[in-house]
Amino acid sequence: MCRLRQKTRLEERDISAAIEQILSNQSAVYVKTLENLAPGYRKLLIGIVRFGGQQIWSKEFRAKNRLSVGAIGKAIHHLTDQYLIEKDENGHFTVPDPFLFE
């Protein structure tokens, strides 16, 4: 954005404009990505965003997200392969793309 506007100093409004442009340009990709996920995969992804990825195997997390242990295992494998989630150094799952649910 700064290069396009030939600016040498980054301002807060430049960041906001860049975020808006990313969301505008990529919104169809994000929508399609979520639409193409199997329901269980989408449930786990949304659960990680809503409740955090710390205790996804817990009974409480499974109940809140209506997921079985088997569904979670399958979803983790698929979502990790698709780079939609990743495991951090503490063993917690996160969604690395900050724009996916904007």
PDB file of N, CA and C in Angstrom:
ATOM      1  N   MET A   1       0.825  -1.185   0.000  1.00  0.00           N
ATOM      2  CA  MET A   1       0.000   0.000   0.000  1.00  0.00           C
ATOM      3  C   MET A   1       0.876   1.257   0.000  1.00  0.00           C
ATOM      4  N   CYS A   2       1.932   1.217   0.787  1.00  0.00           N
ATOM      5  CA  CYS A   2       2.811   2.388   0.840  1.00  0.00           C
ATOM      6  C   CYS A   2       3.512   2.611  -0.494  1.00  0.00           C
ATOM      7  N   ARG A   3       3.952   1.492  -1.111  1.00  0.00           N
ATOM      8  CA  ARG A   3       4.606   1.644  -2.409  1.00  0.00           C
ATOM      9  C   ARG A   3       3.633   2.192  -3.441  1.00  0.00           C
ATOM     10  N   LEU A   4       2.419   1.689  -3.442  1.00  0.00           N
ATOM     11  CA  LEU A   4       1.426   2.170  -4.404  1.00  0.00           C
ATOM     12  C   LEU A   4       1.123   3.647  -4.197  1.00  0.00           C
ATOM     13  N   ARG A   5       1.124   4.058  -2.970  1.00  0.00           N
ATOM     14  CA  ARG A   5       0.824   5.459  -2.662  1.00  0.00           C
ATOM     15  C   ARG A   5       2.093   6.311  -2.577  1.00  0.00           C
ATOM     16  N   GLN A   6       3.222   5.694  -2.875  1.00  0.00           N
ATOM     17  CA  GLN A   6       4.527   6.349  -2.866  1.00  0.00           C
ATOM     18  C   GLN A   6       4.798   7.057  -1.532  1.00  0.00           C
ATOM     19  N   LYS A   7       4.575   6.295  -0.471  1.00  0.00           N
ATOM     20  CA  LYS A   7       4.806   6.822   0.868  1.00  0.00           C
ATOM     21  C   LYS A   7       6.030   6.142   1.462  1.00  0.00           C
ATOM     22  N   THR A   8       6.732   6.864   2.298  1.00  0.00           N
ATOM     23  CA  THR A   8       7.899   6.286   2.968  1.00  0.00           C
ATOM     24  C   THR A   8       7.601   5.953   4.422  1.00  0.00           C
ATOM     25  N   ARG A   9       6.450   6.365   4.908  1.00  0.00           N
ATOM     26  CA  ARG A   9       6.090   6.132   6.309  1.00  0.00           C
ATOM     27  C   ARG A   9       4.735   5.444   6.387  1.00  0.00           C
ATOM     28  N   LEU A  10       4.687   4.383   7.151  1.00  0.00           N
ATOM     29  CA  LEU A  10       3.462   3.624   7.339  1.00  0.00           C
ATOM     30  C   LEU A  10       2.611   4.262   8.428  1.00  0.00           C
ATOM     31  N   GLU A  11       1.337   4.457   8.124  1.00  0.00           N
ATOM     32  CA  GLU A  11       0.411   5.031   9.102  1.00  0.00           C
ATOM     33  C   GLU A  11      -0.694   4.023   9.394  1.00  0.00           C
ATOM     34  N   GLU A  12      -1.374   4.227  10.504  1.00  0.00           N
ATOM     35  CA  GLU A  12      -2.430   3.296  10.910  1.00  0.00           C
ATOM     36  C   GLU A  12      -3.503   3.160   9.829  1.00  0.00           C
ATOM     37  N   ARG A  13      -3.845   4.233   9.184  1.00  0.00           N
ATOM     38  CA  ARG A  13      -4.880   4.148   8.142  1.00  0.00           C
ATOM     39  C   ARG A  13      -4.406   3.310   6.947  1.00  0.00           C
ATOM     40  N   ASP A  14      -3.082   3.257   6.718  1.00  0.00           N
ATOM     41  CA  ASP A  14      -2.543   2.402   5.652  1.00  0.00           C
ATOM     42  C   ASP A  14      -2.777   0.931   5.985  1.00  0.00           C
ATOM     43  N   ILE A  15      -2.589   0.581   7.252  1.00  0.00           N
ATOM     44  CA  ILE A  15      -2.824  -0.791   7.686  1.00  0.00           C
ATOM     45  C   ILE A  15      -4.296  -1.148   7.529  1.00  0.00           C
ATOM     46  N   SER A  16      -5.167  -0.269   7.959  1.00  0.00           N
ATOM     47  CA  SER A  16      -6.607  -0.509   7.825  1.00  0.00           C
ATOM     48  C   SER A  16      -7.007  -0.662   6.360  1.00  0.00           C
ATOM     49  N   ALA A  17      -6.454   0.173   5.505  1.00  0.00           N
ATOM     50  CA  ALA A  17      -6.759   0.091   4.074  1.00  0.00           C
ATOM     51  C   ALA A  17      -6.257  -1.219   3.484  1.00  0.00           C
ATOM     52  N   ALA A  18      -5.078  -1.657   3.910  1.00  0.00           N
ATOM     53  CA  ALA A  18      -4.523  -2.920   3.409  1.00  0.00           C
ATOM     54  C   ALA A  18      -5.378  -4.100   3.847  1.00  0.00           C
ATOM     55  N   ILE A  19      -5.824  -4.097   5.090  1.00  0.00           N
ATOM     56  CA  ILE A  19      -6.693  -5.169   5.587  1.00  0.00           C
ATOM     57  C   ILE A  19      -8.000  -5.196   4.819  1.00  0.00           C
ATOM     58  N   GLU A  20      -8.593  -4.043   4.613  1.00  0.00           N
ATOM     59  CA  GLU A  20      -9.840  -3.973   3.844  1.00  0.00           C
ATOM     60  C   GLU A  20      -9.651  -4.494   2.427  1.00  0.00           C
ATOM     61  N   GLN A  21      -8.529  -4.175   1.820  1.00  0.00           N
ATOM     62  CA  GLN A  21      -8.259  -4.633   0.461  1.00  0.00           C
ATOM     63  C   GLN A  21      -8.083  -6.150   0.420  1.00  0.00           C
ATOM     64  N   ILE A  22      -7.364  -6.692   1.375  1.00  0.00           N
ATOM     65  CA  ILE A  22      -7.187  -8.145   1.441  1.00  0.00           C
ATOM     66  C   ILE A  22      -8.538  -8.826   1.575  1.00  0.00           C
ATOM     67  N   LEU A  23      -9.343  -8.348   2.505  1.00  0.00           N
ATOM     68  CA  LEU A  23     -10.650  -8.959   2.729  1.00  0.00           C
ATOM     69  C   LEU A  23     -11.541  -8.838   1.495  1.00  0.00           C
ATOM     70  N   SER A  24     -11.494  -7.707   0.860  1.00  0.00           N
ATOM     71  CA  SER A  24     -12.304  -7.500  -0.343  1.00  0.00           C
ATOM     72  C   SER A  24     -11.849  -8.412  -1.480  1.00  0.00           C
ATOM     73  N   ASN A  25     -10.551  -8.485  -1.683  1.00  0.00           N
ATOM     74  CA  ASN A  25     -10.008  -9.286  -2.788  1.00  0.00           C
ATOM     75  C   ASN A  25     -10.127 -10.783  -2.557  1.00  0.00           C
ATOM     76  N   GLN A  26     -10.054 -11.207  -1.313  1.00  0.00           N
ATOM     77  CA  GLN A  26      -9.988 -12.635  -1.015  1.00  0.00           C
ATOM     78  C   GLN A  26     -11.273 -13.201  -0.398  1.00  0.00           C
ATOM     79  N   SER A  27     -12.289 -12.397  -0.189  1.00  0.00           N
ATOM     80  CA  SER A  27     -13.490 -12.880   0.502  1.00  0.00           C
ATOM     81  C   SER A  27     -14.124 -14.079  -0.199  1.00  0.00           C
ATOM     82  N   ALA A  28     -14.156 -14.078  -1.504  1.00  0.00           N
ATOM     83  CA  ALA A  28     -14.744 -15.214  -2.234  1.00  0.00           C
ATOM     84  C   ALA A  28     -13.946 -16.489  -1.996  1.00  0.00           C
ATOM     85  N   VAL A  29     -12.636 -16.362  -1.901  1.00  0.00           N
ATOM     86  CA  VAL A  29     -11.772 -17.523  -1.634  1.00  0.00           C
ATOM     87  C   VAL A  29     -12.062 -18.076  -0.241  1.00  0.00           C
ATOM     88  N   TYR A  30     -12.179 -17.186   0.739  1.00  0.00           N
ATOM     89  CA  TYR A  30     -12.458 -17.628   2.107  1.00  0.00           C
ATOM     90  C   TYR A  30     -13.836 -18.283   2.204  1.00  0.00           C
ATOM     91  N   VAL A  31     -14.820 -17.687   1.578  1.00  0.00           N
ATOM     92  CA  VAL A  31     -16.171 -18.254   1.599  1.00  0.00           C
ATOM     93  C   VAL A  31     -16.166 -19.641   0.963  1.00  0.00           C
ATOM     94  N   LYS A  32     -15.533 -19.766  -0.177  1.00  0.00           N
ATOM     95  CA  LYS A  32     -15.469 -21.056  -0.881  1.00  0.00           C
ATOM     96  C   LYS A  32     -14.715 -22.097  -0.056  1.00  0.00           C
ATOM     97  N   THR A  33     -13.647 -21.690   0.573  1.00  0.00           N
ATOM     98  CA  THR A  33     -12.873 -22.602   1.425  1.00  0.00           C
ATOM     99  C   THR A  33     -13.759 -23.173   2.523  1.00  0.00           C
ATOM    100  N   LEU A  34     -14.509 -22.315   3.203  1.00  0.00           N
ATOM    101  CA  LEU A  34     -15.377 -22.773   4.285  1.00  0.00           C
ATOM    102  C   LEU A  34     -16.544 -23.601   3.762  1.00  0.00           C
ATOM    103  N   GLU A  35     -17.108 -23.202   2.643  1.00  0.00           N
ATOM    104  CA  GLU A  35     -18.231 -23.952   2.055  1.00  0.00           C
ATOM    105  C   GLU A  35     -17.813 -25.356   1.632  1.00  0.00           C
ATOM    106  N   ASN A  36     -16.578 -25.518   1.189  1.00  0.00           N
ATOM    107  CA  ASN A  36     -16.106 -26.808   0.695  1.00  0.00           C
ATOM    108  C   ASN A  36     -15.699 -27.780   1.801  1.00  0.00           C
ATOM    109  N   LEU A  37     -15.670 -27.317   3.034  1.00  0.00           N
ATOM    110  CA  LEU A  37     -15.310 -28.203   4.136  1.00  0.00           C
ATOM    111  C   LEU A  37     -16.486 -29.086   4.527  1.00  0.00           C
ATOM    112  N   ALA A  38     -16.184 -30.320   4.870  1.00  0.00           N
ATOM    113  CA  ALA A  38     -17.207 -31.214   5.416  1.00  0.00           C
ATOM    114  C   ALA A  38     -17.715 -30.606   6.723  1.00  0.00           C
ATOM    115  N   PRO A  39     -18.969 -30.860   7.091  1.00  0.00           N
ATOM    116  CA  PRO A  39     -19.530 -30.246   8.308  1.00  0.00           C
ATOM    117  C   PRO A  39     -18.684 -30.458   9.567  1.00  0.00           C
ATOM    118  N   GLY A  40     -18.154 -31.648   9.768  1.00  0.00           N
ATOM    119  CA  GLY A  40     -17.327 -31.899  10.952  1.00  0.00           C
ATOM    120  C   GLY A  40     -16.043 -31.099  10.954  1.00  0.00           C
ATOM    121  N   TYR A  41     -15.450 -30.942   9.795  1.00  0.00           N
ATOM    122  CA  TYR A  41     -14.219 -30.147   9.684  1.00  0.00           C
ATOM    123  C   TYR A  41     -14.514 -28.686  10.011  1.00  0.00           C
ATOM    124  N   ARG A  42     -15.629 -28.203   9.487  1.00  0.00           N
ATOM    125  CA  ARG A  42     -16.030 -26.810   9.721  1.00  0.00           C
ATOM    126  C   ARG A  42     -16.334 -26.605  11.215  1.00  0.00           C
ATOM    127  N   LYS A  43     -17.002 -27.580  11.841  1.00  0.00           N
ATOM    128  CA  LYS A  43     -17.309 -27.477  13.274  1.00  0.00           C
ATOM    129  C   LYS A  43     -16.039 -27.367  14.104  1.00  0.00           C
ATOM    130  N   LEU A  44     -15.043 -28.190  13.789  1.00  0.00           N
ATOM    131  CA  LEU A  44     -13.799 -28.121  14.559  1.00  0.00           C
ATOM    132  C   LEU A  44     -13.106 -26.782  14.336  1.00  0.00           C
ATOM    133  N   LEU A  45     -13.036 -26.335  13.118  1.00  0.00           N
ATOM    134  CA  LEU A  45     -12.390 -25.060  12.805  1.00  0.00           C
ATOM    135  C   LEU A  45     -13.070 -23.919  13.558  1.00  0.00           C
ATOM    136  N   ILE A  46     -14.368 -23.880  13.524  1.00  0.00           N
ATOM    137  CA  ILE A  46     -15.120 -22.832  14.232  1.00  0.00           C
ATOM    138  C   ILE A  46     -14.946 -22.970  15.736  1.00  0.00           C
ATOM    139  N   GLY A  47     -14.942 -24.203  16.228  1.00  0.00           N
ATOM    140  CA  GLY A  47     -14.729 -24.432  17.655  1.00  0.00           C
ATOM    141  C   GLY A  47     -13.375 -23.935  18.128  1.00  0.00           C
ATOM    142  N   ILE A  48     -12.358 -24.153  17.327  1.00  0.00           N
ATOM    143  CA  ILE A  48     -11.011 -23.668  17.677  1.00  0.00           C
ATOM    144  C   ILE A  48     -11.008 -22.146  17.744  1.00  0.00           C
ATOM    145  N   VAL A  49     -11.663 -21.503  16.816  1.00  0.00           N
ATOM    146  CA  VAL A  49     -11.716 -20.042  16.812  1.00  0.00           C
ATOM    147  C   VAL A  49     -12.525 -19.527  18.008  1.00  0.00           C
ATOM    148  N   ARG A  50     -13.666 -20.118  18.259  1.00  0.00           N
ATOM    149  CA  ARG A  50     -14.549 -19.640  19.339  1.00  0.00           C
ATOM    150  C   ARG A  50     -14.022 -19.945  20.734  1.00  0.00           C
ATOM    151  N   PHE A  51     -13.558 -21.163  20.941  1.00  0.00           N
ATOM    152  CA  PHE A  51     -13.227 -21.618  22.283  1.00  0.00           C
ATOM    153  C   PHE A  51     -11.738 -21.834  22.523  1.00  0.00           C
ATOM    154  N   GLY A  52     -10.942 -21.603  21.504  1.00  0.00           N
ATOM    155  CA  GLY A  52      -9.509 -21.832  21.631  1.00  0.00           C
ATOM    156  C   GLY A  52      -9.171 -23.269  21.294  1.00  0.00           C
ATOM    157  N   GLY A  53      -7.940 -23.506  21.009  1.00  0.00           N
ATOM    158  CA  GLY A  53      -7.514 -24.831  20.594  1.00  0.00           C
ATOM    159  C   GLY A  53      -6.748 -25.575  21.663  1.00  0.00           C
ATOM    160  N   GLN A  54      -7.021 -25.252  22.927  1.00  0.00           N
ATOM    161  CA  GLN A  54      -6.243 -25.832  24.009  1.00  0.00           C
ATOM    162  C   GLN A  54      -6.734 -27.208  24.443  1.00  0.00           C
ATOM    163  N   GLN A  55      -8.004 -27.420  24.528  1.00  0.00           N
ATOM    164  CA  GLN A  55      -8.515 -28.681  25.050  1.00  0.00           C
ATOM    165  C   GLN A  55      -9.572 -29.250  24.112  1.00  0.00           C
ATOM    166  N   ILE A  56      -9.190 -29.427  22.878  1.00  0.00           N
ATOM    167  CA  ILE A  56     -10.170 -29.875  21.883  1.00  0.00           C
ATOM    168  C   ILE A  56     -10.619 -31.307  22.091  1.00  0.00           C
ATOM    169  N   TRP A  57      -9.893 -32.064  22.898  1.00  0.00           N
ATOM    170  CA  TRP A  57     -10.292 -33.453  23.168  1.00  0.00           C
ATOM    171  C   TRP A  57     -11.194 -33.546  24.384  1.00  0.00           C
ATOM    172  N   SER A  58     -11.382 -32.438  25.102  1.00  0.00           N
ATOM    173  CA  SER A  58     -12.173 -32.486  26.331  1.00  0.00           C
ATOM    174  C   SER A  58     -13.643 -32.754  26.021  1.00  0.00           C
ATOM    175  N   LYS A  59     -14.301 -33.330  27.010  1.00  0.00           N
ATOM    176  CA  LYS A  59     -15.729 -33.629  26.880  1.00  0.00           C
ATOM    177  C   LYS A  59     -16.527 -32.338  26.650  1.00  0.00           C
ATOM    178  N   GLU A  60     -16.135 -31.283  27.349  1.00  0.00           N
ATOM    179  CA  GLU A  60     -16.823 -29.995  27.228  1.00  0.00           C
ATOM    180  C   GLU A  60     -16.704 -29.429  25.804  1.00  0.00           C
ATOM    181  N   PHE A  61     -15.487 -29.439  25.261  1.00  0.00           N
ATOM    182  CA  PHE A  61     -15.283 -28.935  23.895  1.00  0.00           C
ATOM    183  C   PHE A  61     -16.091 -29.768  22.901  1.00  0.00           C
ATOM    184  N   ARG A  62     -16.016 -31.086  23.053  1.00  0.00           N
ATOM    185  CA  ARG A  62     -16.751 -31.972  22.135  1.00  0.00           C
ATOM    186  C   ARG A  62     -18.246 -31.730  22.216  1.00  0.00           C
ATOM    187  N   ALA A  63     -18.758 -31.532  23.427  1.00  0.00           N
ATOM    188  CA  ALA A  63     -20.199 -31.293  23.590  1.00  0.00           C
ATOM    189  C   ALA A  63     -20.610 -29.948  22.986  1.00  0.00           C
ATOM    190  N   LYS A  64     -19.842 -28.914  23.251  1.00  0.00           N
ATOM    191  CA  LYS A  64     -20.160 -27.575  22.727  1.00  0.00           C
ATOM    192  C   LYS A  64     -20.157 -27.544  21.201  1.00  0.00           C
ATOM    193  N   ASN A  65     -19.282 -28.354  20.608  1.00  0.00           N
ATOM    194  CA  ASN A  65     -19.135 -28.332  19.156  1.00  0.00           C
ATOM    195  C   ASN A  65     -19.777 -29.527  18.470  1.00  0.00           C
ATOM    196  N   ARG A  66     -20.395 -30.382  19.272  1.00  0.00           N
ATOM    197  CA  ARG A  66     -21.097 -31.564  18.762  1.00  0.00           C
ATOM    198  C   ARG A  66     -20.181 -32.403  17.868  1.00  0.00           C
ATOM    199  N   LEU A  67     -19.051 -32.800  18.456  1.00  0.00           N
ATOM    200  CA  LEU A  67     -18.044 -33.581  17.743  1.00  0.00           C
ATOM    201  C   LEU A  67     -17.666 -34.816  18.553  1.00  0.00           C
ATOM    202  N   SER A  68     -17.419 -35.893  17.872  1.00  0.00           N
ATOM    203  CA  SER A  68     -16.923 -37.096  18.529  1.00  0.00           C
ATOM    204  C   SER A  68     -15.397 -37.084  18.498  1.00  0.00           C
ATOM    205  N   VAL A  69     -14.790 -37.974  19.276  1.00  0.00           N
ATOM    206  CA  VAL A  69     -13.337 -38.093  19.285  1.00  0.00           C
ATOM    207  C   VAL A  69     -12.839 -38.443  17.882  1.00  0.00           C
ATOM    208  N   GLY A  70     -13.520 -39.376  17.220  1.00  0.00           N
ATOM    209  CA  GLY A  70     -13.126 -39.779  15.868  1.00  0.00           C
ATOM    210  C   GLY A  70     -13.230 -38.640  14.870  1.00  0.00           C
ATOM    211  N   ALA A  71     -14.295 -37.845  14.993  1.00  0.00           N
ATOM    212  CA  ALA A  71     -14.478 -36.713  14.078  1.00  0.00           C
ATOM    213  C   ALA A  71     -13.385 -35.671  14.283  1.00  0.00           C
ATOM    214  N   ILE A  72     -12.993 -35.468  15.534  1.00  0.00           N
ATOM    215  CA  ILE A  72     -11.928 -34.503  15.814  1.00  0.00           C
ATOM    216  C   ILE A  72     -10.616 -34.972  15.199  1.00  0.00           C
ATOM    217  N   GLY A  73     -10.291 -36.239  15.385  1.00  0.00           N
ATOM    218  CA  GLY A  73      -9.047 -36.771  14.821  1.00  0.00           C
ATOM    219  C   GLY A  73      -8.994 -36.642  13.314  1.00  0.00           C
ATOM    220  N   LYS A  74     -10.092 -36.993  12.667  1.00  0.00           N
ATOM    221  CA  LYS A  74     -10.162 -36.893  11.201  1.00  0.00           C
ATOM    222  C   LYS A  74     -10.058 -35.432  10.751  1.00  0.00           C
ATOM    223  N   ALA A  75     -10.754 -34.548  11.460  1.00  0.00           N
ATOM    224  CA  ALA A  75     -10.738 -33.129  11.105  1.00  0.00           C
ATOM    225  C   ALA A  75      -9.356 -32.518  11.293  1.00  0.00           C
ATOM    226  N   ILE A  76      -8.679 -32.884  12.374  1.00  0.00           N
ATOM    227  CA  ILE A  76      -7.325 -32.362  12.610  1.00  0.00           C
ATOM    228  C   ILE A  76      -6.421 -32.734  11.446  1.00  0.00           C
ATOM    229  N   HIS A  77      -6.470 -33.972  11.051  1.00  0.00           N
ATOM    230  CA  HIS A  77      -5.627 -34.438   9.949  1.00  0.00           C
ATOM    231  C   HIS A  77      -5.913 -33.638   8.672  1.00  0.00           C
ATOM    232  N   HIS A  78      -7.174 -33.517   8.320  1.00  0.00           N
ATOM    233  CA  HIS A  78      -7.539 -32.812   7.085  1.00  0.00           C
ATOM    234  C   HIS A  78      -7.195 -31.320   7.161  1.00  0.00           C
ATOM    235  N   LEU A  79      -7.587 -30.675   8.249  1.00  0.00           N
ATOM    236  CA  LEU A  79      -7.361 -29.229   8.362  1.00  0.00           C
ATOM    237  C   LEU A  79      -5.878 -28.881   8.437  1.00  0.00           C
ATOM    238  N   THR A  80      -5.090 -29.758   9.044  1.00  0.00           N
ATOM    239  CA  THR A  80      -3.642 -29.546   9.080  1.00  0.00           C
ATOM    240  C   THR A  80      -3.052 -29.705   7.680  1.00  0.00           C
ATOM    241  N   ASP A  81      -3.492 -30.727   6.965  1.00  0.00           N
ATOM    242  CA  ASP A  81      -3.003 -30.930   5.592  1.00  0.00           C
ATOM    243  C   ASP A  81      -3.354 -29.756   4.681  1.00  0.00           C
ATOM    244  N   GLN A  82      -4.474 -29.106   4.957  1.00  0.00           N
ATOM    245  CA  GLN A  82      -4.920 -27.966   4.152  1.00  0.00           C
ATOM    246  C   GLN A  82      -4.371 -26.634   4.672  1.00  0.00           C
ATOM    247  N   TYR A  83      -3.542 -26.688   5.709  1.00  0.00           N
ATOM    248  CA  TYR A  83      -2.943 -25.496   6.329  1.00  0.00           C
ATOM    249  C   TYR A  83      -3.985 -24.541   6.911  1.00  0.00           C
ATOM    250  N   LEU A  84      -5.126 -25.081   7.310  1.00  0.00           N
ATOM    251  CA  LEU A  84      -6.164 -24.253   7.921  1.00  0.00           C
ATOM    252  C   LEU A  84      -6.000 -24.177   9.435  1.00  0.00           C
ATOM    253  N   ILE A  85      -5.323 -25.161  10.019  1.00  0.00           N
ATOM    254  CA  ILE A  85      -4.956 -25.106  11.428  1.00  0.00           C
ATOM    255  C   ILE A  85      -3.507 -25.560  11.559  1.00  0.00           C
ATOM    256  N   GLU A  86      -2.920 -25.191  12.685  1.00  0.00           N
ATOM    257  CA  GLU A  86      -1.580 -25.667  12.986  1.00  0.00           C
ATOM    258  C   GLU A  86      -1.459 -25.826  14.494  1.00  0.00           C
ATOM    259  N   LYS A  87      -0.511 -26.643  14.882  1.00  0.00           N
ATOM    260  CA  LYS A  87      -0.266 -26.905  16.298  1.00  0.00           C
ATOM    261  C   LYS A  87       0.908 -26.048  16.747  1.00  0.00           C
ATOM    262  N   ASP A  88       0.726 -25.293  17.836  1.00  0.00           N
ATOM    263  CA  ASP A  88       1.819 -24.447  18.316  1.00  0.00           C
ATOM    264  C   ASP A  88       2.755 -25.236  19.227  1.00  0.00           C
ATOM    265  N   GLU A  89       3.762 -24.575  19.740  1.00  0.00           N
ATOM    266  CA  GLU A  89       4.778 -25.247  20.551  1.00  0.00           C
ATOM    267  C   GLU A  89       4.230 -25.803  21.865  1.00  0.00           C
ATOM    268  N   ASN A  90       3.059 -25.332  22.289  1.00  0.00           N
ATOM    269  CA  ASN A  90       2.425 -25.829  23.515  1.00  0.00           C
ATOM    270  C   ASN A  90       1.422 -26.945  23.246  1.00  0.00           C
ATOM    271  N   GLY A  91       1.284 -27.325  21.982  1.00  0.00           N
ATOM    272  CA  GLY A  91       0.347 -28.376  21.627  1.00  0.00           C
ATOM    273  C   GLY A  91      -1.072 -27.892  21.416  1.00  0.00           C
ATOM    274  N   HIS A  92      -1.258 -26.582  21.346  1.00  0.00           N
ATOM    275  CA  HIS A  92      -2.580 -26.003  21.114  1.00  0.00           C
ATOM    276  C   HIS A  92      -2.777 -25.761  19.618  1.00  0.00           C
ATOM    277  N   PHE A  93      -3.997 -25.906  19.185  1.00  0.00           N
ATOM    278  CA  PHE A  93      -4.289 -25.679  17.777  1.00  0.00           C
ATOM    279  C   PHE A  93      -4.728 -24.236  17.557  1.00  0.00           C
ATOM    280  N   THR A  94      -4.274 -23.672  16.447  1.00  0.00           N
ATOM    281  CA  THR A  94      -4.618 -22.297  16.091  1.00  0.00           C
ATOM    282  C   THR A  94      -4.969 -22.234  14.604  1.00  0.00           C
ATOM    283  N   VAL A  95      -5.638 -21.161  14.243  1.00  0.00           N
ATOM    284  CA  VAL A  95      -5.931 -20.879  12.839  1.00  0.00           C
ATOM    285  C   VAL A  95      -4.920 -19.821  12.417  1.00  0.00           C
ATOM    286  N   PRO A  96      -3.955 -20.198  11.574  1.00  0.00           N
ATOM    287  CA  PRO A  96      -2.873 -19.270  11.256  1.00  0.00           C
ATOM    288  C   PRO A  96      -3.282 -18.077  10.382  1.00  0.00           C
ATOM    289  N   ASP A  97      -4.377 -18.199   9.653  1.00  0.00           N
ATOM    290  CA  ASP A  97      -4.802 -17.117   8.768  1.00  0.00           C
ATOM    291  C   ASP A  97      -5.743 -16.176   9.524  1.00  0.00           C
ATOM    292  N   PRO A  98      -5.281 -14.988   9.888  1.00  0.00           N
ATOM    293  CA  PRO A  98      -6.109 -14.071  10.684  1.00  0.00           C
ATOM    294  C   PRO A  98      -7.336 -13.542   9.931  1.00  0.00           C
ATOM    295  N   PHE A  99      -7.377 -13.721   8.633  1.00  0.00           N
ATOM    296  CA  PHE A  99      -8.485 -13.180   7.848  1.00  0.00           C
ATOM    297  C   PHE A  99      -9.582 -14.197   7.545  1.00  0.00           C
ATOM    298  N   LEU A 100      -9.361 -15.451   7.884  1.00  0.00           N
ATOM    299  CA  LEU A 100     -10.301 -16.504   7.506  1.00  0.00           C
ATOM    300  C   LEU A 100     -11.708 -16.248   8.030  1.00  0.00           C
ATOM    301  N   PHE A 101     -11.842 -15.726   9.234  1.00  0.00           N
ATOM    302  CA  PHE A 101     -13.177 -15.525   9.813  1.00  0.00           C
ATOM    303  C   PHE A 101     -13.534 -14.050   9.966  1.00  0.00           C
ATOM    304  N   GLU A 102     -12.912 -13.205   9.200  1.00  0.00           N
ATOM    305  CA  GLU A 102     -13.239 -11.766   9.264  1.00  0.00           C
ATOM    306  C   GLU A 102     -14.445 -11.459   8.424  1.00  0.00           C
TER     307      GLU A 102
END
